[in-house]
Amino acid sequence: MTLKETTAELHSKAEKMEFNQRMFRGELSQDEYLNYLIQQSYIFQEIENRNLPHPNLKRLSSINEDINELGGYTFKISKPTTDYVVYLGDLNQSSLNAHIYLNYLAIMFGGQMMKSKVPGSGKMYEFEGDMRELIGSVRAIQNDEMADEVNKGFQYIINILDELQTNAG
């Protein structure tokens, strides 16, 4: 089976999480989205401490611009985010590539639909350079053998989205 087929179930589950659905419908408050961005900042900081397949993929400074625009670091890292960040920190580059695939393609594809629906200017979703080249750089590190690792990443993301929804409002 292909990577897409092997990860389809958890991909669908993550997309259908209530927090994600509310974000897609433009229903998140500024504070809810700010908390989401803060959790994302810790994830991307950990990933970007290592090697990315293209320098223009880096998201941390853009995420920080969005966070500052919406009020700064007013939320703490959540337990599910801490769990994911600790897990990412223990991975070798080959295993980390699965999480680069998961997190960066999510922003490049689904994030483009989200940009107009979230509070603030959505700098997180803006990439410098040729988008096809950036996608190609991630596709170049992608392989079907990373499916188990991608599914682990989806499970962490599902846990984070669940926590965000639990603490919403």
C-alpha atoms as a PDB file:
ATOM      1  CA  MET A   1       0.000   0.000   0.000  1.00  0.00           C
ATOM      2  CA  THR A   2       1.080   3.567  -0.611  1.00  0.00           C
ATOM      3  CA  LEU A   3       1.853   6.106   2.095  1.00  0.00           C
ATOM      4  CA  LYS A   4      -1.378   7.957   1.313  1.00  0.00           C
ATOM      5  CA  GLU A   5      -3.462   4.758   1.598  1.00  0.00           C
ATOM      6  CA  THR A   6      -1.737   3.597   4.789  1.00  0.00           C
ATOM      7  CA  THR A   7      -2.256   6.930   6.542  1.00  0.00           C
ATOM      8  CA  ALA A   8      -5.722   7.747   5.159  1.00  0.00           C
ATOM      9  CA  GLU A   9      -7.687   6.637   8.234  1.00  0.00           C
ATOM     10  CA  LEU A  10      -5.844   8.834  10.737  1.00  0.00           C
ATOM     11  CA  HIS A  11      -5.578  11.659   8.195  1.00  0.00           C
ATOM     12  CA  SER A  12      -9.363  11.636   7.891  1.00  0.00           C
ATOM     13  CA  LYS A  13      -9.787  11.455  11.670  1.00  0.00           C
ATOM     14  CA  ALA A  14      -7.493  14.473  12.166  1.00  0.00           C
ATOM     15  CA  GLU A  15      -9.363  16.481   9.530  1.00  0.00           C
ATOM     16  CA  LYS A  16     -12.689  15.681  11.191  1.00  0.00           C
ATOM     17  CA  MET A  17     -11.605  16.724  14.694  1.00  0.00           C
ATOM     18  CA  GLU A  18     -14.018  19.354  16.021  1.00  0.00           C
ATOM     19  CA  PHE A  19     -11.285  21.949  16.553  1.00  0.00           C
ATOM     20  CA  ASN A  20     -10.083  21.525  12.957  1.00  0.00           C
ATOM     21  CA  GLN A  21     -13.637  21.724  11.634  1.00  0.00           C
ATOM     22  CA  ARG A  22     -14.266  24.914  13.607  1.00  0.00           C
ATOM     23  CA  MET A  23     -11.028  26.402  12.270  1.00  0.00           C
ATOM     24  CA  PHE A  24     -12.040  25.523   8.702  1.00  0.00           C
ATOM     25  CA  ARG A  25     -15.448  27.159   9.224  1.00  0.00           C
ATOM     26  CA  GLY A  26     -13.816  30.313  10.608  1.00  0.00           C
ATOM     27  CA  GLU A  27     -15.361  29.814  14.050  1.00  0.00           C
ATOM     28  CA  LEU A  28     -12.275  30.009  16.284  1.00  0.00           C
ATOM     29  CA  SER A  29     -11.925  32.947  18.615  1.00  0.00           C
ATOM     30  CA  GLN A  30      -8.684  34.885  18.549  1.00  0.00           C
ATOM     31  CA  ASP A  31      -7.602  33.217  21.814  1.00  0.00           C
ATOM     32  CA  GLU A  32      -8.407  29.717  20.536  1.00  0.00           C
ATOM     33  CA  TYR A  33      -6.370  30.295  17.389  1.00  0.00           C
ATOM     34  CA  LEU A  34      -3.566  31.915  19.384  1.00  0.00           C
ATOM     35  CA  ASN A  35      -3.365  28.820  21.599  1.00  0.00           C
ATOM     36  CA  TYR A  36      -3.229  26.650  18.447  1.00  0.00           C
ATOM     37  CA  LEU A  37      -0.391  28.773  17.040  1.00  0.00           C
ATOM     38  CA  ILE A  38       1.554  28.562  20.286  1.00  0.00           C
ATOM     39  CA  GLN A  39       1.316  24.758  20.236  1.00  0.00           C
ATOM     40  CA  GLN A  40       2.425  24.782  16.590  1.00  0.00           C
ATOM     41  CA  SER A  41       5.406  26.992  17.442  1.00  0.00           C
ATOM     42  CA  TYR A  42       6.839  24.371  19.804  1.00  0.00           C
ATOM     43  CA  ILE A  43       6.403  21.609  17.214  1.00  0.00           C
ATOM     44  CA  PHE A  44       8.012  23.582  14.406  1.00  0.00           C
ATOM     45  CA  GLN A  45      10.808  24.811  16.663  1.00  0.00           C
ATOM     46  CA  GLU A  46      11.733  21.206  17.439  1.00  0.00           C
ATOM     47  CA  ILE A  47      11.577  20.137  13.792  1.00  0.00           C
ATOM     48  CA  GLU A  48      13.499  23.193  12.583  1.00  0.00           C
ATOM     49  CA  ASN A  49      16.336  22.497  15.013  1.00  0.00           C
ATOM     50  CA  ARG A  50      17.218  19.764  12.518  1.00  0.00           C
ATOM     51  CA  ASN A  51      17.564  19.559   8.734  1.00  0.00           C
ATOM     52  CA  LEU A  52      14.727  20.586   6.443  1.00  0.00           C
ATOM     53  CA  PRO A  53      14.831  19.607   2.768  1.00  0.00           C
ATOM     54  CA  HIS A  54      14.528  23.301   1.739  1.00  0.00           C
ATOM     55  CA  PRO A  55      15.336  26.482   3.713  1.00  0.00           C
ATOM     56  CA  ASN A  56      12.116  28.218   2.586  1.00  0.00           C
ATOM     57  CA  LEU A  57      10.036  25.625   4.437  1.00  0.00           C
ATOM     58  CA  LYS A  58      10.895  27.193   7.809  1.00  0.00           C
ATOM     59  CA  ARG A  59       7.720  28.289   9.609  1.00  0.00           C
ATOM     60  CA  LEU A  60       8.797  29.314  13.095  1.00  0.00           C
ATOM     61  CA  SER A  61       9.436  32.998  12.387  1.00  0.00           C
ATOM     62  CA  SER A  62       6.112  33.283  10.508  1.00  0.00           C
ATOM     63  CA  ILE A  63       4.268  31.543  13.334  1.00  0.00           C
ATOM     64  CA  ASN A  64       5.909  33.922  15.811  1.00  0.00           C
ATOM     65  CA  GLU A  65       4.773  36.907  13.705  1.00  0.00           C
ATOM     66  CA  ASP A  66       1.202  35.592  13.894  1.00  0.00           C
ATOM     67  CA  ILE A  67       1.506  34.988  17.636  1.00  0.00           C
ATOM     68  CA  ASN A  68       2.813  38.509  18.242  1.00  0.00           C
ATOM     69  CA  GLU A  69       0.052  39.988  16.079  1.00  0.00           C
ATOM     70  CA  LEU A  70      -2.584  38.184  18.165  1.00  0.00           C
ATOM     71  CA  GLY A  71      -1.214  39.006  21.618  1.00  0.00           C
ATOM     72  CA  GLY A  72       1.983  37.076  22.260  1.00  0.00           C
ATOM     73  CA  TYR A  73       2.731  33.942  24.249  1.00  0.00           C
ATOM     74  CA  THR A  74      -0.269  34.007  26.581  1.00  0.00           C
ATOM     75  CA  PHE A  75      -0.749  30.217  26.619  1.00  0.00           C
ATOM     76  CA  LYS A  76       1.616  27.520  27.844  1.00  0.00           C
ATOM     77  CA  ILE A  77       2.655  24.397  26.001  1.00  0.00           C
ATOM     78  CA  SER A  78       0.045  21.672  26.542  1.00  0.00           C
ATOM     79  CA  LYS A  79       0.791  18.131  27.693  1.00  0.00           C
ATOM     80  CA  PRO A  80      -0.070  16.580  24.286  1.00  0.00           C
ATOM     81  CA  THR A  81       2.216  19.113  22.575  1.00  0.00           C
ATOM     82  CA  THR A  82       4.986  18.438  25.102  1.00  0.00           C
ATOM     83  CA  ASP A  83       4.608  14.707  24.448  1.00  0.00           C
ATOM     84  CA  TYR A  84       4.955  15.263  20.692  1.00  0.00           C
ATOM     85  CA  VAL A  85       7.926  17.639  21.018  1.00  0.00           C
ATOM     86  CA  VAL A  86       9.767  15.212  23.311  1.00  0.00           C
ATOM     87  CA  TYR A  87       9.045  12.390  20.879  1.00  0.00           C
ATOM     88  CA  LEU A  88      10.321  14.450  17.924  1.00  0.00           C
ATOM     89  CA  GLY A  89      13.510  15.293  19.822  1.00  0.00           C
ATOM     90  CA  ASP A  90      14.386  11.615  20.149  1.00  0.00           C
ATOM     91  CA  LEU A  91      14.078  10.821  16.428  1.00  0.00           C
ATOM     92  CA  ASN A  92      16.874  10.380  13.938  1.00  0.00           C
ATOM     93  CA  GLN A  93      16.680  12.415  10.719  1.00  0.00           C
ATOM     94  CA  SER A  94      15.158   9.580   8.717  1.00  0.00           C
ATOM     95  CA  SER A  95      12.273   9.178  11.169  1.00  0.00           C
ATOM     96  CA  LEU A  96      11.912  12.946  11.530  1.00  0.00           C
ATOM     97  CA  ASN A  97      11.380  13.169   7.767  1.00  0.00           C
ATOM     98  CA  ALA A  98       7.969  11.529   8.259  1.00  0.00           C
ATOM     99  CA  HIS A  99       6.971  14.406  10.551  1.00  0.00           C
ATOM    100  CA  ILE A 100       8.337  16.968   8.096  1.00  0.00           C
ATOM    101  CA  TYR A 101       6.153  15.341   5.443  1.00  0.00           C
ATOM    102  CA  LEU A 102       3.128  15.401   7.759  1.00  0.00           C
ATOM    103  CA  ASN A 103       3.428  18.902   9.214  1.00  0.00           C
ATOM    104  CA  TYR A 104       4.727  20.886   6.252  1.00  0.00           C
ATOM    105  CA  LEU A 105       2.481  19.395   3.575  1.00  0.00           C
ATOM    106  CA  ALA A 106      -0.490  19.994   5.890  1.00  0.00           C
ATOM    107  CA  ILE A 107       0.307  23.707   5.904  1.00  0.00           C
ATOM    108  CA  MET A 108       1.084  23.816   2.196  1.00  0.00           C
ATOM    109  CA  PHE A 109      -2.172  22.133   1.207  1.00  0.00           C
ATOM    110  CA  GLY A 110      -4.870  22.369   3.898  1.00  0.00           C
ATOM    111  CA  GLY A 111      -3.376  25.515   5.338  1.00  0.00           C
ATOM    112  CA  GLN A 112      -3.997  27.433   2.164  1.00  0.00           C
ATOM    113  CA  MET A 113      -7.739  26.906   2.703  1.00  0.00           C
ATOM    114  CA  MET A 114      -7.424  27.894   6.379  1.00  0.00           C
ATOM    115  CA  LYS A 115      -5.560  31.165   5.847  1.00  0.00           C
ATOM    116  CA  SER A 116      -8.645  33.237   5.089  1.00  0.00           C
ATOM    117  CA  LYS A 117     -10.618  31.655   7.937  1.00  0.00           C
ATOM    118  CA  VAL A 118      -8.334  32.343  10.897  1.00  0.00           C
ATOM    119  CA  PRO A 119      -7.884  35.483  13.003  1.00  0.00           C
ATOM    120  CA  GLY A 120      -4.946  37.650  11.990  1.00  0.00           C
ATOM    121  CA  SER A 121      -2.943  37.770   8.809  1.00  0.00           C
ATOM    122  CA  GLY A 122      -2.011  34.066   8.625  1.00  0.00           C
ATOM    123  CA  LYS A 123       1.683  34.488   7.884  1.00  0.00           C
ATOM    124  CA  MET A 124       2.197  30.852   8.897  1.00  0.00           C
ATOM    125  CA  TYR A 125       0.606  29.827   5.598  1.00  0.00           C
ATOM    126  CA  GLU A 126       2.735  32.106   3.391  1.00  0.00           C
ATOM    127  CA  PHE A 127       5.797  30.525   1.804  1.00  0.00           C
ATOM    128  CA  GLU A 128       8.612  32.326   0.005  1.00  0.00           C
ATOM    129  CA  GLY A 129       9.660  30.954  -3.341  1.00  0.00           C
ATOM    130  CA  ASP A 130       8.090  28.520  -5.761  1.00  0.00           C
ATOM    131  CA  MET A 131       5.456  26.386  -4.010  1.00  0.00           C
ATOM    132  CA  ARG A 132       5.984  23.494  -6.468  1.00  0.00           C
ATOM    133  CA  GLU A 133       9.686  23.490  -5.612  1.00  0.00           C
ATOM    134  CA  LEU A 134       8.929  23.435  -1.874  1.00  0.00           C
ATOM    135  CA  ILE A 135       6.400  20.621  -2.228  1.00  0.00           C
ATOM    136  CA  GLY A 136       8.897  18.745  -4.395  1.00  0.00           C
ATOM    137  CA  SER A 137      11.569  19.061  -1.706  1.00  0.00           C
ATOM    138  CA  VAL A 138       9.259  17.335   0.789  1.00  0.00           C
ATOM    139  CA  ARG A 139       8.137  14.740  -1.754  1.00  0.00           C
ATOM    140  CA  ALA A 140      11.818  13.925  -2.367  1.00  0.00           C
ATOM    141  CA  ILE A 141      12.198  12.687   1.240  1.00  0.00           C
ATOM    142  CA  GLN A 142       8.836  10.882   1.218  1.00  0.00           C
ATOM    143  CA  ASN A 143       8.581   7.105   0.963  1.00  0.00           C
ATOM    144  CA  ASP A 144       5.969   4.438   1.695  1.00  0.00           C
ATOM    145  CA  GLU A 145       8.088   3.008   4.531  1.00  0.00           C
ATOM    146  CA  MET A 146       7.450   6.101   6.655  1.00  0.00           C
ATOM    147  CA  ALA A 147       3.736   5.249   7.062  1.00  0.00           C
ATOM    148  CA  ASP A 148       4.003   3.999  10.666  1.00  0.00           C
ATOM    149  CA  GLU A 149       5.876   7.134  11.697  1.00  0.00           C
ATOM    150  CA  VAL A 150       3.398   9.416   9.886  1.00  0.00           C
ATOM    151  CA  ASN A 151       0.544   7.633  11.656  1.00  0.00           C
ATOM    152  CA  LYS A 152       2.280   8.220  15.009  1.00  0.00           C
ATOM    153  CA  GLY A 153       2.456  11.901  14.101  1.00  0.00           C
ATOM    154  CA  PHE A 154      -1.233  11.961  13.217  1.00  0.00           C
ATOM    155  CA  GLN A 155      -2.037  10.436  16.600  1.00  0.00           C
ATOM    156  CA  TYR A 156      -0.054  13.147  18.379  1.00  0.00           C
ATOM    157  CA  ILE A 157      -1.825  15.821  16.320  1.00  0.00           C
ATOM    158  CA  ILE A 158      -5.222  14.281  17.099  1.00  0.00           C
ATOM    159  CA  ASN A 159      -4.351  14.418  20.812  1.00  0.00           C
ATOM    160  CA  ILE A 160      -3.316  18.074  20.491  1.00  0.00           C
ATOM    161  CA  LEU A 161      -6.514  18.991  18.614  1.00  0.00           C
ATOM    162  CA  ASP A 162      -8.585  17.170  21.220  1.00  0.00           C
ATOM    163  CA  GLU A 163      -6.880  19.114  24.020  1.00  0.00           C
ATOM    164  CA  LEU A 164      -7.380  22.413  22.164  1.00  0.00           C
ATOM    165  CA  GLN A 165     -11.088  21.671  21.762  1.00  0.00           C
ATOM    166  CA  THR A 166     -11.429  20.615  25.405  1.00  0.00           C
ATOM    167  CA  ASN A 167      -9.908  23.943  26.498  1.00  0.00           C
ATOM    168  CA  ALA A 168     -11.767  26.063  23.910  1.00  0.00           C
ATOM    169  CA  GLY A 169     -13.983  28.913  24.901  1.00  0.00           C
END
